[in-house]
Structure formats: structure tokens, C-alpha cells
Amino acid sequence: MLINGLYLFANRTFIIFNTKAMRPPLIIFLTLFCFTSFAQTVEELEYELSFYKSEEKWGNKKDVAYKLLEVDGLNNKAISYLTEVYGTNNEKDSINILFDYLININPENPTIYLIIARERNAHFAKLTDTERINYMKKAKEFDNNNIEATYSLAKQYYKLFINEFRNKKKKTNLDYYSKNSINYFLELCSININYSEISRLPLIQLYNYRKEKNNSNKWKSSKFQTSFFPIYEFSGLPKKWETNFSVNIFNH
């Protein structure tokens, strides 16, 4: 709509110039000026999404999050924000619609499945352990050597193993969980040997549970250290952690 020399479109105002008298370079300059003046970058939208005024109501920036997804369809901050807002408000249907939409536009991109399966997003979406695992496996279908997917599966099966061992009644899946965790940790090391350091301790523990002493001793005697200091997560482990299968070495 043209009003008093201004062009209104999609809630944005553009100045109309008489381009007949302008040289092409000036037209190009003005076009770029108008575009850059109104288009927000990913960084600007992320800042707007994270910045809160004291008088603002938390969760009222869903429109900003959706704008961010228009610019960057796999933006983790936007997805996490929307998942938290909908999850806090018990709007699981909205989360499902969001996830379905994101998968529909990125059906073969492993990143979207990993974003959904990440612990924080999975928590607000109330995903079951099986659902998280299925999303991680889906990511590996499209990128079998994906490090995040492989490491996440190794840790997820390890966590399930530890949690079930702590459960005094239910101990029916320990062999299944331990075997899967071992397989994914070994696969992780084969993808990138630098992950041997972080895989070493859970493998020692899991092999001990399975009474595979040779494999346990092999990893115990091996020396992998890719960082100057030992991995922080493994510092201060309790005594006899190698055979205490209720100790989660990632969260002890």
C-alpha cells in the first residue's frame, strides 16, 4: 500500500524513491540499505530472545523465537526457548507440533534429531528414555559417524544401566544396557581416538560388571590423555568405583 510516499508491506515501511533519475549504483546502495536496516541477524535475535526487562513477563517472546527459526531453521536457542515455554505451561501438544514441523523441513538432517534429544529439551518435552534413544538413532541413520549421536547413545545406555542397578527390584535389562553402552563407547573411539580418554573409565566399569576381566584390564592399563589435566568429570571418584556399579562416573 502506497501512503504519502511510503510503501507499507508486512508491517515494514519502505521509502519510495524516484529511481528514473538515479544511477544503477545508487539504486543498488539504497536497496541494500533498506534490506540491512530492517533484517535482523541471528545474533541480534538471539540477544533479543535472551534479554529480559524486569517488568516483562517471562515466555512472551515466542514470536522472536519463531523469527529466529525463519532465519536459522536449526537454531538451538530458539528451539530450547519454545520447548521450555510450552513445557512449563504443560502444552505438550504445542511441543509435538513444533518438533513435527522442524523434522518436516529438515527430514534428513541429523542435527534436528539431536537437538530434540538433548537432555534439557527432552526434559521439557517429557520424552521417555526410549524416545530419546530413538531420536539419537535417527540421527545416526543420516550420519553414522556423528560423534554427538554416538556419545549420547553410549551415555544414555550407561545411565539406564546405573539407574537399573540402583533399583532394588528391577534388574532385568542390565546385560542389555551394559552391552549397548560398551558398543557405542567402542564405536565412539573408532570414530575419533581422542574420545578414548572419556570412554576409558565407563568401559572399565561396564566390563567388570560383565566379568570380562581381560577387556577391563586392557582399558585399565591403557593410557589415554588428550588434555593436560585429567577430565574434570572423573575427578574425585569414590573408592572401588570400578566394581561399584551404582556409581555414575559422569555424575557422582
Protein backbone atom coordinates (compact mmCIF):
# COMPACT_ATOMS: atom_id res chain seq x y z
CA MET A 1 0.00 0.00 0.00
CA LEU A 2 1.36 3.42 -1.01
CA ILE A 3 0.70 6.14 1.58
CA ASN A 4 2.26 9.60 1.34
CA GLY A 5 5.39 8.40 -0.40
CA LEU A 6 5.79 5.37 1.90
CA TYR A 7 5.24 1.74 1.00
CA LEU A 8 3.77 -0.39 3.77
CA PHE A 9 4.28 -4.14 3.48
CA ALA A 10 4.34 -6.86 6.14
CA ASN A 11 4.43 -4.30 8.93
CA ARG A 12 7.54 -2.69 7.48
CA THR A 13 7.87 0.75 5.93
CA PHE A 14 9.95 1.42 2.82
CA ILE A 15 10.69 4.83 1.32
CA ILE A 16 9.78 5.16 -2.37
CA PHE A 17 12.37 6.93 -4.47
CA ASN A 18 12.18 8.23 -8.00
CA THR A 19 14.56 5.71 -9.48
CA LYS A 20 14.35 7.12 -13.02
CA ALA A 21 16.79 9.86 -12.13
CA MET A 22 19.12 7.59 -10.21
CA ARG A 23 22.16 5.80 -11.44
CA PRO A 24 22.27 1.99 -11.03
CA PRO A 25 24.95 2.03 -8.28
CA LEU A 26 22.79 4.34 -6.17
CA ILE A 27 19.77 2.10 -6.65
CA ILE A 28 21.81 -0.90 -5.51
CA PHE A 29 23.07 1.02 -2.48
CA LEU A 30 19.58 2.05 -1.43
CA THR A 31 18.28 -1.49 -1.90
CA LEU A 32 21.00 -2.90 0.33
CA PHE A 33 20.43 -0.10 2.84
CA CYS A 34 16.73 -0.88 3.13
CA PHE A 35 17.39 -4.62 3.47
CA THR A 36 20.08 -4.32 6.11
CA SER A 37 18.13 -1.69 8.02
CA PHE A 38 15.14 -3.96 8.60
CA ALA A 39 16.56 -7.51 8.58
CA GLN A 40 17.75 -8.78 11.96
CA THR A 41 20.73 -11.08 12.21
CA VAL A 42 20.81 -14.35 14.13
CA GLU A 43 22.96 -12.72 16.80
CA GLU A 44 20.52 -9.82 17.23
CA LEU A 45 17.53 -12.13 17.51
CA GLU A 46 19.34 -14.41 19.97
CA TYR A 47 20.16 -11.41 22.12
CA GLU A 48 16.58 -10.16 21.98
CA LEU A 49 15.37 -13.62 22.97
CA SER A 50 17.69 -13.83 25.96
CA PHE A 51 17.29 -10.24 27.20
CA TYR A 52 14.57 -9.62 29.75
CA LYS A 53 13.36 -6.44 31.34
CA SER A 54 12.23 -6.64 34.95
CA GLU A 55 8.69 -5.66 34.02
CA GLU A 56 8.42 -8.22 31.21
CA LYS A 57 6.57 -11.48 31.61
CA TRP A 58 8.78 -14.49 31.01
CA GLY A 59 7.81 -16.52 27.98
CA ASN A 60 6.30 -13.68 25.98
CA LYS A 61 8.93 -13.79 23.23
CA LYS A 62 7.72 -16.77 21.26
CA ASP A 63 7.37 -14.52 18.20
CA VAL A 64 11.08 -13.69 18.45
CA ALA A 65 11.93 -17.39 18.67
CA TYR A 66 9.89 -18.13 15.55
CA LYS A 67 11.56 -15.23 13.71
CA LEU A 68 14.88 -16.75 14.69
CA LEU A 69 13.80 -20.10 13.22
CA GLU A 70 12.87 -18.32 9.99
CA VAL A 71 16.45 -17.08 9.74
CA ASP A 72 18.10 -20.20 11.15
CA GLY A 73 15.85 -23.24 10.96
CA LEU A 74 18.04 -25.28 13.33
CA ASN A 75 18.71 -22.65 15.96
CA ASN A 76 19.12 -24.47 19.26
CA LYS A 77 18.38 -21.39 21.39
CA ALA A 78 15.05 -20.79 19.68
CA ILE A 79 14.03 -24.44 19.92
CA SER A 80 15.09 -24.66 23.57
CA TYR A 81 13.21 -21.46 24.40
CA LEU A 82 9.98 -22.65 22.78
CA THR A 83 10.30 -26.12 24.32
CA GLU A 84 10.81 -24.65 27.78
CA VAL A 85 7.90 -22.21 27.43
CA TYR A 86 5.48 -24.83 26.16
CA GLY A 87 6.76 -27.43 28.62
CA THR A 88 6.44 -25.11 31.62
CA ASN A 89 2.88 -24.30 30.53
CA ASN A 90 2.06 -28.01 30.10
CA GLU A 91 1.43 -27.53 26.38
CA LYS A 92 2.90 -30.83 25.17
CA ASP A 93 0.76 -30.73 22.02
CA SER A 94 2.47 -27.49 21.02
CA ILE A 95 5.87 -29.12 21.52
CA ASN A 96 4.84 -32.07 19.36
CA ILE A 97 3.64 -29.69 16.63
CA LEU A 98 6.95 -27.79 16.84
CA PHE A 99 9.02 -30.98 16.61
CA ASP A 100 6.93 -32.31 13.71
CA TYR A 101 7.37 -29.02 11.86
CA LEU A 102 11.13 -28.96 12.39
CA ILE A 103 11.53 -32.56 11.27
CA ASN A 104 9.30 -31.95 8.25
CA ILE A 105 11.57 -29.17 6.97
CA ASN A 106 14.80 -30.98 7.96
CA PRO A 107 13.90 -34.65 7.46
CA GLU A 108 17.41 -35.89 6.70
CA ASN A 109 19.41 -33.52 8.88
CA PRO A 110 20.79 -35.35 11.96
CA THR A 111 21.12 -32.09 13.88
CA ILE A 112 17.39 -31.65 14.43
CA TYR A 113 17.05 -35.11 15.99
CA LEU A 114 20.00 -34.41 18.28
CA ILE A 115 18.59 -31.04 19.37
CA ILE A 116 15.27 -32.67 20.28
CA ALA A 117 17.05 -35.48 22.17
CA ARG A 118 19.27 -33.19 24.25
CA GLU A 119 18.59 -33.53 27.94
CA ARG A 120 17.14 -30.08 28.55
CA ASN A 121 14.76 -30.20 25.60
CA ALA A 122 13.81 -33.80 26.34
CA HIS A 123 13.02 -32.82 29.93
CA PHE A 124 10.55 -30.07 29.00
CA ALA A 125 9.08 -32.22 26.21
CA LYS A 126 8.70 -35.08 28.72
CA LEU A 127 10.33 -37.55 26.38
CA THR A 128 10.83 -41.08 27.65
CA ASP A 129 14.28 -42.68 27.61
CA THR A 130 13.16 -44.82 24.68
CA GLU A 131 12.01 -41.75 22.74
CA ARG A 132 15.34 -40.01 23.33
CA ILE A 133 17.24 -43.08 22.17
CA ASN A 134 15.10 -43.33 19.04
CA TYR A 135 15.87 -39.71 18.15
CA MET A 136 19.61 -40.34 18.67
CA LYS A 137 19.47 -43.45 16.49
CA LYS A 138 17.60 -41.49 13.84
CA ALA A 139 20.46 -39.01 13.76
CA LYS A 140 22.91 -41.88 13.18
CA GLU A 141 20.78 -43.15 10.30
CA PHE A 142 21.67 -40.00 8.38
CA ASP A 143 25.22 -39.67 9.75
CA ASN A 144 26.54 -42.94 11.14
CA ASN A 145 29.81 -41.36 12.28
CA ASN A 146 28.14 -38.49 14.09
CA ILE A 147 30.10 -38.05 17.32
CA GLU A 148 27.34 -36.38 19.33
CA ALA A 149 24.82 -39.08 18.44
CA THR A 150 27.23 -41.92 19.24
CA TYR A 151 28.41 -40.38 22.51
CA SER A 152 24.84 -39.56 23.56
CA LEU A 153 23.75 -43.16 22.96
CA ALA A 154 26.72 -44.50 24.93
CA LYS A 155 25.94 -42.24 27.89
CA GLN A 156 22.19 -42.85 27.70
CA TYR A 157 22.57 -46.63 27.88
CA TYR A 158 25.17 -46.19 30.62
CA LYS A 159 22.74 -44.05 32.64
CA LEU A 160 19.99 -46.64 32.19
CA PHE A 161 22.40 -49.34 33.37
CA ILE A 162 23.34 -47.40 36.52
CA ASN A 163 19.74 -46.44 37.32
CA GLU A 164 18.52 -50.00 36.99
CA PHE A 165 21.38 -51.33 39.10
CA ARG A 166 20.36 -48.90 41.84
CA ASN A 167 16.79 -50.16 41.60
CA LYS A 168 16.46 -52.88 44.21
CA LYS A 169 13.60 -54.60 42.42
CA LYS A 170 14.11 -54.25 38.68
CA LYS A 171 17.35 -55.68 37.28
CA THR A 172 16.14 -57.35 34.08
CA ASN A 173 17.89 -55.15 31.47
CA LEU A 174 21.38 -54.79 32.94
CA ASP A 175 23.05 -57.03 30.38
CA TYR A 176 21.25 -55.27 27.51
CA TYR A 177 22.09 -51.76 28.74
CA SER A 178 25.72 -52.56 29.55
CA LYS A 179 26.33 -54.25 26.20
CA ASN A 180 24.81 -51.38 24.21
CA SER A 181 26.76 -48.80 26.19
CA ILE A 182 30.02 -50.68 25.59
CA ASN A 183 29.32 -50.98 21.87
CA TYR A 184 28.64 -47.27 21.47
CA PHE A 185 31.68 -46.25 23.56
CA LEU A 186 33.87 -48.51 21.41
CA GLU A 187 32.31 -47.10 18.25
CA LEU A 188 32.97 -43.59 19.54
CA CYS A 189 36.66 -44.42 20.00
CA SER A 190 36.84 -45.87 16.50
CA ILE A 191 35.35 -42.68 15.04
CA ASN A 192 37.82 -40.49 16.93
CA ILE A 193 40.57 -41.97 19.09
CA ASN A 194 40.67 -38.80 21.18
CA TYR A 195 37.44 -39.96 22.83
CA SER A 196 39.29 -42.94 24.32
CA GLU A 197 40.10 -40.84 27.39
CA ILE A 198 36.47 -40.12 28.22
CA SER A 199 35.39 -43.67 27.32
CA ARG A 200 38.05 -45.46 29.34
CA LEU A 201 36.51 -45.34 32.81
CA PRO A 202 32.93 -46.34 31.95
CA LEU A 203 34.33 -49.19 29.84
CA ILE A 204 36.41 -50.46 32.80
CA GLN A 205 33.31 -50.37 34.99
CA LEU A 206 30.99 -51.99 32.44
CA TYR A 207 33.45 -54.75 31.56
CA ASN A 208 33.86 -55.52 35.26
CA TYR A 209 30.10 -55.91 35.61
CA ARG A 210 30.10 -58.34 32.69
CA LYS A 211 33.02 -60.19 34.27
CA GLU A 212 35.17 -59.56 31.21
CA LYS A 213 38.36 -59.06 33.18
CA ASN A 214 40.69 -59.11 30.19
CA ASN A 215 38.89 -56.25 28.50
CA SER A 216 38.62 -54.36 31.77
CA ASN A 217 42.35 -54.74 32.47
CA LYS A 218 43.16 -53.75 28.90
CA TRP A 219 41.41 -50.42 29.33
CA LYS A 220 42.75 -50.02 32.86
CA SER A 221 46.35 -50.36 31.69
CA SER A 222 45.88 -48.15 28.65
CA LYS A 223 46.91 -44.53 28.99
CA PHE A 224 44.80 -42.05 27.09
CA GLN A 225 45.05 -38.39 27.99
CA THR A 226 44.26 -35.83 25.33
CA SER A 227 44.17 -32.92 27.79
CA PHE A 228 46.87 -31.59 30.09
CA PHE A 229 44.72 -32.17 33.17
CA PRO A 230 42.54 -35.25 33.78
CA ILE A 231 38.93 -34.89 32.69
CA TYR A 232 37.05 -32.87 35.29
CA GLU A 233 34.01 -35.15 35.27
CA PHE A 234 36.11 -38.04 36.52
CA SER A 235 37.91 -36.25 39.35
CA GLY A 236 37.18 -37.32 42.92
CA LEU A 237 35.72 -40.73 42.11
CA PRO A 238 34.89 -42.81 45.20
CA LYS A 239 36.97 -45.83 46.13
CA LYS A 240 36.13 -49.11 44.43
CA TRP A 241 34.18 -47.30 41.72
CA GLU A 242 35.42 -49.91 39.25
CA THR A 243 33.22 -52.58 40.84
CA ASN A 244 30.59 -50.36 42.45
CA PHE A 245 28.01 -50.32 39.71
CA SER A 246 25.78 -47.82 41.45
CA VAL A 247 28.40 -45.09 40.85
CA ASN A 248 27.68 -42.96 37.81
CA ILE A 249 31.13 -41.65 36.91
CA PHE A 250 29.61 -38.82 34.88
CA ASN A 251 27.51 -37.61 37.80
CA HIS A 252 28.96 -38.97 41.03
